[in-house]
N, C-alpha and C. Protein backbone atom coordinates (compact mmCIF):
# COMPACT_ATOMS: atom_id res chain seq x y z
N UNK A 1 58.54 8.78 -48.87
CA UNK A 1 58.22 8.46 -48.06
C UNK A 1 57.75 8.70 -46.27
N UNK A 2 58.60 9.75 -46.12
CA UNK A 2 58.23 10.42 -45.10
C UNK A 2 56.65 11.45 -44.89
N UNK A 3 55.78 11.19 -45.85
CA UNK A 3 54.83 12.07 -46.12
C UNK A 3 53.58 10.59 -46.02
N UNK A 4 54.67 9.47 -46.56
CA UNK A 4 53.40 8.40 -46.17
C UNK A 4 54.02 7.79 -44.72
N UNK A 5 54.53 7.91 -43.83
CA UNK A 5 54.47 7.63 -42.31
C UNK A 5 53.78 9.26 -41.54
N UNK A 6 53.86 10.25 -42.11
CA UNK A 6 53.03 11.06 -41.37
C UNK A 6 51.89 10.86 -41.23
N UNK A 7 51.33 10.48 -42.76
CA UNK A 7 49.76 10.21 -42.57
C UNK A 7 49.81 9.07 -42.27
N UNK A 8 50.11 8.09 -42.42
CA UNK A 8 49.83 6.53 -41.46
C UNK A 8 49.68 7.56 -39.89
N UNK A 9 50.56 7.72 -39.60
CA UNK A 9 50.41 8.38 -37.92
C UNK A 9 49.41 9.48 -37.63
N UNK A 10 48.70 9.99 -38.63
CA UNK A 10 47.91 11.11 -38.54
C UNK A 10 46.71 10.39 -38.93
N UNK A 11 46.65 9.13 -39.04
CA UNK A 11 45.09 7.89 -39.42
C UNK A 11 44.85 7.39 -38.40
N UNK A 12 46.41 6.70 -37.89
CA UNK A 12 46.51 6.06 -36.13
C UNK A 12 45.66 6.80 -35.29
N UNK A 13 45.95 8.33 -35.33
CA UNK A 13 45.47 9.08 -34.40
C UNK A 13 43.95 9.67 -34.29
N UNK A 14 43.90 9.11 -35.44
CA UNK A 14 42.27 9.56 -35.27
C UNK A 14 41.04 8.42 -34.82
N UNK A 15 42.12 7.16 -35.86
CA UNK A 15 41.13 5.90 -35.16
C UNK A 15 41.37 5.43 -33.60
N UNK A 16 42.16 5.97 -33.33
CA UNK A 16 42.43 5.51 -31.40
C UNK A 16 41.68 6.81 -30.81
N UNK A 17 41.69 8.04 -31.78
CA UNK A 17 40.80 8.81 -30.92
C UNK A 17 39.28 8.21 -30.54
N UNK A 18 38.80 7.68 -32.17
CA UNK A 18 37.09 7.38 -31.54
C UNK A 18 37.31 5.94 -30.67
N UNK A 19 38.78 5.17 -30.96
CA UNK A 19 38.37 4.10 -30.07
C UNK A 19 37.94 4.42 -28.68
N UNK A 20 39.31 5.04 -28.32
CA UNK A 20 39.45 5.16 -27.17
C UNK A 20 38.29 5.88 -26.63
N UNK A 21 37.64 6.74 -27.00
CA UNK A 21 35.99 7.48 -26.47
C UNK A 21 35.09 6.70 -26.71
N UNK A 22 35.03 5.68 -27.42
CA UNK A 22 33.77 4.38 -27.19
C UNK A 22 34.30 3.99 -26.38
N UNK A 23 35.69 3.61 -26.11
CA UNK A 23 36.10 2.13 -24.74
C UNK A 23 35.55 3.22 -23.49
N UNK A 24 35.89 4.39 -23.30
CA UNK A 24 35.81 4.89 -21.72
C UNK A 24 34.76 5.58 -21.64
N UNK A 25 33.70 5.65 -23.07
CA UNK A 25 32.46 6.61 -22.45
C UNK A 25 31.47 6.10 -21.32
N UNK A 26 31.75 4.96 -21.11
CA UNK A 26 30.90 4.52 -20.11
C UNK A 26 31.73 4.69 -18.59
N UNK A 27 32.53 5.09 -18.57
CA UNK A 27 33.49 5.89 -17.64
C UNK A 27 33.42 7.36 -17.50
N UNK A 28 32.23 7.94 -18.49
CA UNK A 28 31.94 8.72 -18.57
C UNK A 28 33.17 9.90 -18.73
N UNK A 29 34.27 9.48 -19.67
CA UNK A 29 35.32 10.09 -19.76
C UNK A 29 35.62 10.58 -21.53
N UNK A 30 35.80 11.99 -21.71
CA UNK A 30 35.88 12.27 -23.26
C UNK A 30 37.37 12.54 -23.37
N UNK A 31 36.94 11.67 -25.08
CA UNK A 31 38.46 11.81 -25.59
C UNK A 31 38.15 12.40 -26.76
N UNK A 32 39.10 13.68 -26.99
CA UNK A 32 39.03 14.21 -28.62
C UNK A 32 40.42 14.49 -28.87
N UNK A 33 40.72 14.98 -29.75
CA UNK A 33 41.89 15.20 -30.76
C UNK A 33 42.25 16.70 -31.11
N UNK A 34 43.39 17.61 -30.74
CA UNK A 34 43.03 18.46 -31.60
C UNK A 34 44.48 18.60 -32.95
N UNK A 35 44.19 18.59 -33.95
CA UNK A 35 45.06 18.65 -34.97
C UNK A 35 45.15 20.19 -35.64
N UNK A 36 46.27 20.74 -35.06
CA UNK A 36 46.61 22.09 -35.28
C UNK A 36 47.35 22.24 -36.51
N UNK A 37 47.39 23.53 -37.12
CA UNK A 37 47.56 23.60 -37.74
C UNK A 37 48.73 24.64 -38.11
N UNK A 38 49.53 25.26 -39.09
CA UNK A 38 50.40 26.16 -39.02
C UNK A 38 50.46 27.20 -38.05
N UNK A 39 51.20 26.88 -36.69
CA UNK A 39 50.95 28.19 -35.97
C UNK A 39 52.48 28.84 -35.43
N UNK A 40 52.20 30.01 -35.55
CA UNK A 40 53.35 30.91 -35.56
C UNK A 40 54.66 30.43 -33.83
N UNK A 41 55.22 29.69 -34.03
CA UNK A 41 56.18 29.03 -33.30
C UNK A 41 57.89 29.05 -33.65
N UNK A 42 58.34 29.40 -32.30
CA UNK A 42 59.58 29.18 -32.96
C UNK A 42 60.25 28.34 -33.52
N UNK A 43 59.41 27.33 -33.40
CA UNK A 43 59.88 25.87 -33.95
C UNK A 43 60.03 26.08 -35.87
N UNK A 44 58.22 26.96 -35.64
CA UNK A 44 57.76 27.01 -37.32
C UNK A 44 59.03 27.87 -37.90
N UNK A 45 59.07 28.88 -37.34
CA UNK A 45 60.04 29.88 -37.96
C UNK A 45 61.65 29.61 -37.63
N UNK A 46 61.48 28.59 -37.13
CA UNK A 46 63.04 27.96 -37.35
C UNK A 46 63.30 26.51 -38.05
N UNK A 47 62.47 26.44 -38.90
CA UNK A 47 62.67 25.30 -39.29
C UNK A 47 62.28 25.17 -40.96
N UNK A 48 61.58 26.27 -41.73
CA UNK A 48 61.25 26.86 -42.71
C UNK A 48 61.93 27.92 -42.84
N UNK A 49 62.57 28.11 -44.57
CA UNK A 49 63.23 29.31 -45.02
C UNK A 49 61.77 30.81 -44.68
N UNK A 50 62.31 31.72 -45.31
CA UNK A 50 61.66 32.61 -44.93
C UNK A 50 60.29 32.49 -46.10
N UNK A 51 60.85 32.45 -47.57
CA UNK A 51 59.86 32.42 -48.77
C UNK A 51 59.07 31.17 -48.62
N UNK A 52 59.62 30.09 -47.79
CA UNK A 52 58.84 28.92 -48.05
C UNK A 52 57.73 29.47 -46.70
N UNK A 53 58.11 29.24 -45.91
CA UNK A 53 57.21 29.97 -44.46
C UNK A 53 56.20 31.58 -44.82
N UNK A 54 56.94 32.20 -46.14
CA UNK A 54 55.63 33.00 -46.44
C UNK A 54 54.80 32.26 -47.59
N UNK A 55 55.06 31.19 -48.12
CA UNK A 55 54.23 30.19 -48.95
C UNK A 55 53.07 29.55 -48.43
N UNK A 56 53.71 29.31 -47.17
CA UNK A 56 52.39 28.81 -46.59
C UNK A 56 51.52 29.81 -45.74
N UNK A 57 51.77 30.71 -45.22
CA UNK A 57 50.53 32.31 -45.35
C UNK A 57 49.81 32.01 -46.63
N UNK A 58 50.52 32.66 -47.57
CA UNK A 58 49.90 33.28 -48.98
C UNK A 58 48.90 31.72 -49.17
N UNK A 59 49.28 30.56 -48.74
CA UNK A 59 47.83 29.71 -49.20
C UNK A 59 46.84 29.45 -48.43
N UNK A 60 47.44 29.80 -47.06
CA UNK A 60 46.12 29.91 -46.32
C UNK A 60 45.07 30.65 -46.24
N UNK A 61 43.64 30.21 -45.93
CA UNK A 61 42.63 31.12 -46.72
C UNK A 61 42.44 32.30 -45.13
N UNK A 62 42.99 32.27 -43.69
CA UNK A 62 42.89 33.40 -43.37
C UNK A 62 43.88 34.50 -43.33
N UNK A 63 45.09 33.89 -44.42
CA UNK A 63 46.47 34.57 -44.59
C UNK A 63 47.62 35.20 -43.39
N UNK A 64 47.17 33.81 -42.35
CA UNK A 64 48.16 34.25 -41.32
C UNK A 64 48.23 33.07 -40.51
N UNK A 65 49.36 32.63 -39.97
CA UNK A 65 50.10 31.34 -39.34
C UNK A 65 48.77 31.74 -37.84
N UNK A 66 48.59 30.91 -37.07
CA UNK A 66 48.05 30.43 -36.06
C UNK A 66 48.78 31.26 -34.70
N UNK A 67 47.67 31.71 -33.73
CA UNK A 67 48.69 31.81 -32.15
C UNK A 67 48.60 30.41 -31.31
N UNK A 68 49.46 30.64 -30.71
CA UNK A 68 49.58 29.37 -29.74
C UNK A 68 48.20 29.49 -28.89
N UNK A 69 47.71 30.59 -28.52
CA UNK A 69 46.90 30.55 -27.44
C UNK A 69 45.38 30.02 -28.32
N UNK A 70 45.27 30.20 -29.67
CA UNK A 70 44.16 29.94 -30.47
C UNK A 70 44.00 28.51 -30.19
N UNK A 71 45.50 27.13 -30.25
CA UNK A 71 44.98 26.21 -29.93
C UNK A 71 44.62 26.11 -28.64
N UNK A 72 45.55 27.16 -27.79
CA UNK A 72 44.95 26.25 -26.05
C UNK A 72 43.68 26.91 -26.04
N UNK A 73 43.02 27.95 -26.80
CA UNK A 73 41.79 28.23 -26.16
C UNK A 73 40.68 26.86 -26.74
N UNK A 74 40.69 26.34 -27.56
CA UNK A 74 40.45 25.00 -28.11
C UNK A 74 40.67 24.06 -26.87
N UNK A 75 41.80 23.96 -26.79
CA UNK A 75 41.77 22.54 -25.60
C UNK A 75 41.01 23.18 -24.38
N UNK A 76 41.22 24.49 -24.10
CA UNK A 76 40.45 24.52 -22.56
C UNK A 76 38.91 24.65 -22.69
N UNK A 77 38.09 24.75 -23.81
CA UNK A 77 37.31 24.63 -24.55
C UNK A 77 36.65 23.28 -24.32
N UNK A 78 37.74 22.43 -24.81
CA UNK A 78 36.97 20.86 -24.66
C UNK A 78 37.16 20.58 -23.14
N UNK A 79 38.40 20.97 -22.71
CA UNK A 79 38.63 20.53 -20.86
C UNK A 79 37.46 21.17 -20.43
N UNK A 80 36.62 21.99 -21.10
CA UNK A 80 35.53 22.80 -19.75
C UNK A 80 34.21 21.69 -20.05
N UNK A 81 33.23 22.45 -18.94
CA UNK A 81 31.74 21.72 -19.07
C UNK A 81 31.22 21.80 -20.27
N UNK A 82 31.47 23.02 -20.94
CA UNK A 82 30.78 23.10 -22.22
C UNK A 82 30.35 22.05 -22.78
N UNK A 83 32.05 21.24 -22.72
CA UNK A 83 32.28 20.59 -23.95
C UNK A 83 31.89 18.53 -23.95
N UNK A 84 30.74 18.94 -22.25
CA UNK A 84 30.29 17.45 -22.02
C UNK A 84 29.87 16.44 -22.81
N UNK A 85 29.41 17.20 -24.17
CA UNK A 85 28.92 16.16 -25.22
C UNK A 85 29.65 16.05 -26.17
N UNK A 86 30.96 16.38 -26.12
CA UNK A 86 31.87 15.94 -27.33
C UNK A 86 32.99 15.06 -26.84
N UNK A 87 33.02 13.93 -27.58
CA UNK A 87 33.80 13.02 -27.28
C UNK A 87 34.24 12.35 -28.83
N UNK A 88 35.05 11.76 -28.82
CA UNK A 88 36.14 10.90 -30.58
C UNK A 88 35.94 12.04 -31.47
N UNK A 89 36.08 13.03 -31.15
CA UNK A 89 35.96 14.27 -31.93
C UNK A 89 37.59 14.50 -32.39
N UNK A 90 37.74 15.36 -33.54
CA UNK A 90 38.82 15.30 -33.93
C UNK A 90 38.87 16.92 -34.59
N UNK A 91 39.43 18.18 -33.85
CA UNK A 91 39.08 19.65 -34.46
C UNK A 91 39.76 19.98 -34.88
N UNK A 92 39.86 20.49 -36.43
CA UNK A 92 40.70 21.06 -37.08
C UNK A 92 41.10 22.38 -36.51
N UNK A 93 42.23 22.79 -35.86
CA UNK A 93 42.33 24.22 -35.55
C UNK A 93 43.66 24.71 -36.42
N UNK A 94 43.02 24.92 -37.64
CA UNK A 94 43.92 24.83 -39.12
C UNK A 94 43.53 26.80 -39.63
N UNK A 95 42.62 27.33 -39.25
CA UNK A 95 42.36 28.72 -39.82
C UNK A 95 41.89 28.52 -41.48
N UNK A 96 41.61 27.27 -41.47
CA UNK A 96 40.55 26.88 -43.24
C UNK A 96 41.76 26.02 -43.81
N UNK A 97 42.57 25.96 -43.83
CA UNK A 97 43.72 25.12 -44.25
C UNK A 97 43.12 23.74 -44.94
N UNK A 98 42.33 22.97 -43.92
CA UNK A 98 42.11 21.64 -44.69
C UNK A 98 40.75 21.42 -44.81
N UNK A 99 40.08 22.76 -45.51
CA UNK A 99 38.69 22.74 -45.55
C UNK A 99 38.49 21.62 -47.13
N UNK A 100 37.79 20.82 -46.59
CA UNK A 100 37.34 20.04 -48.09
C UNK A 100 35.54 20.62 -48.67
């Protein structure tokens, strides 16, 4: 059940991002969404057993957790003038974990 609720909320965020981006574009307001993967934080390390954490790392294409600065750098980019034509997008910052 938890994965259903989690998936539903993620889908809602994707839809809201596109809807808000379309609505606020006329005001030149950009709306984007950053979807981080497993990031090396105290919360991540504190919520998973060591073998589970190692399993997350082992299944990641880059074989590591993300660094919090890697997420911050994407957010900084989206806030910069260089991203002035990016709106309604979800940027997956997950080291390739969710490649399809």
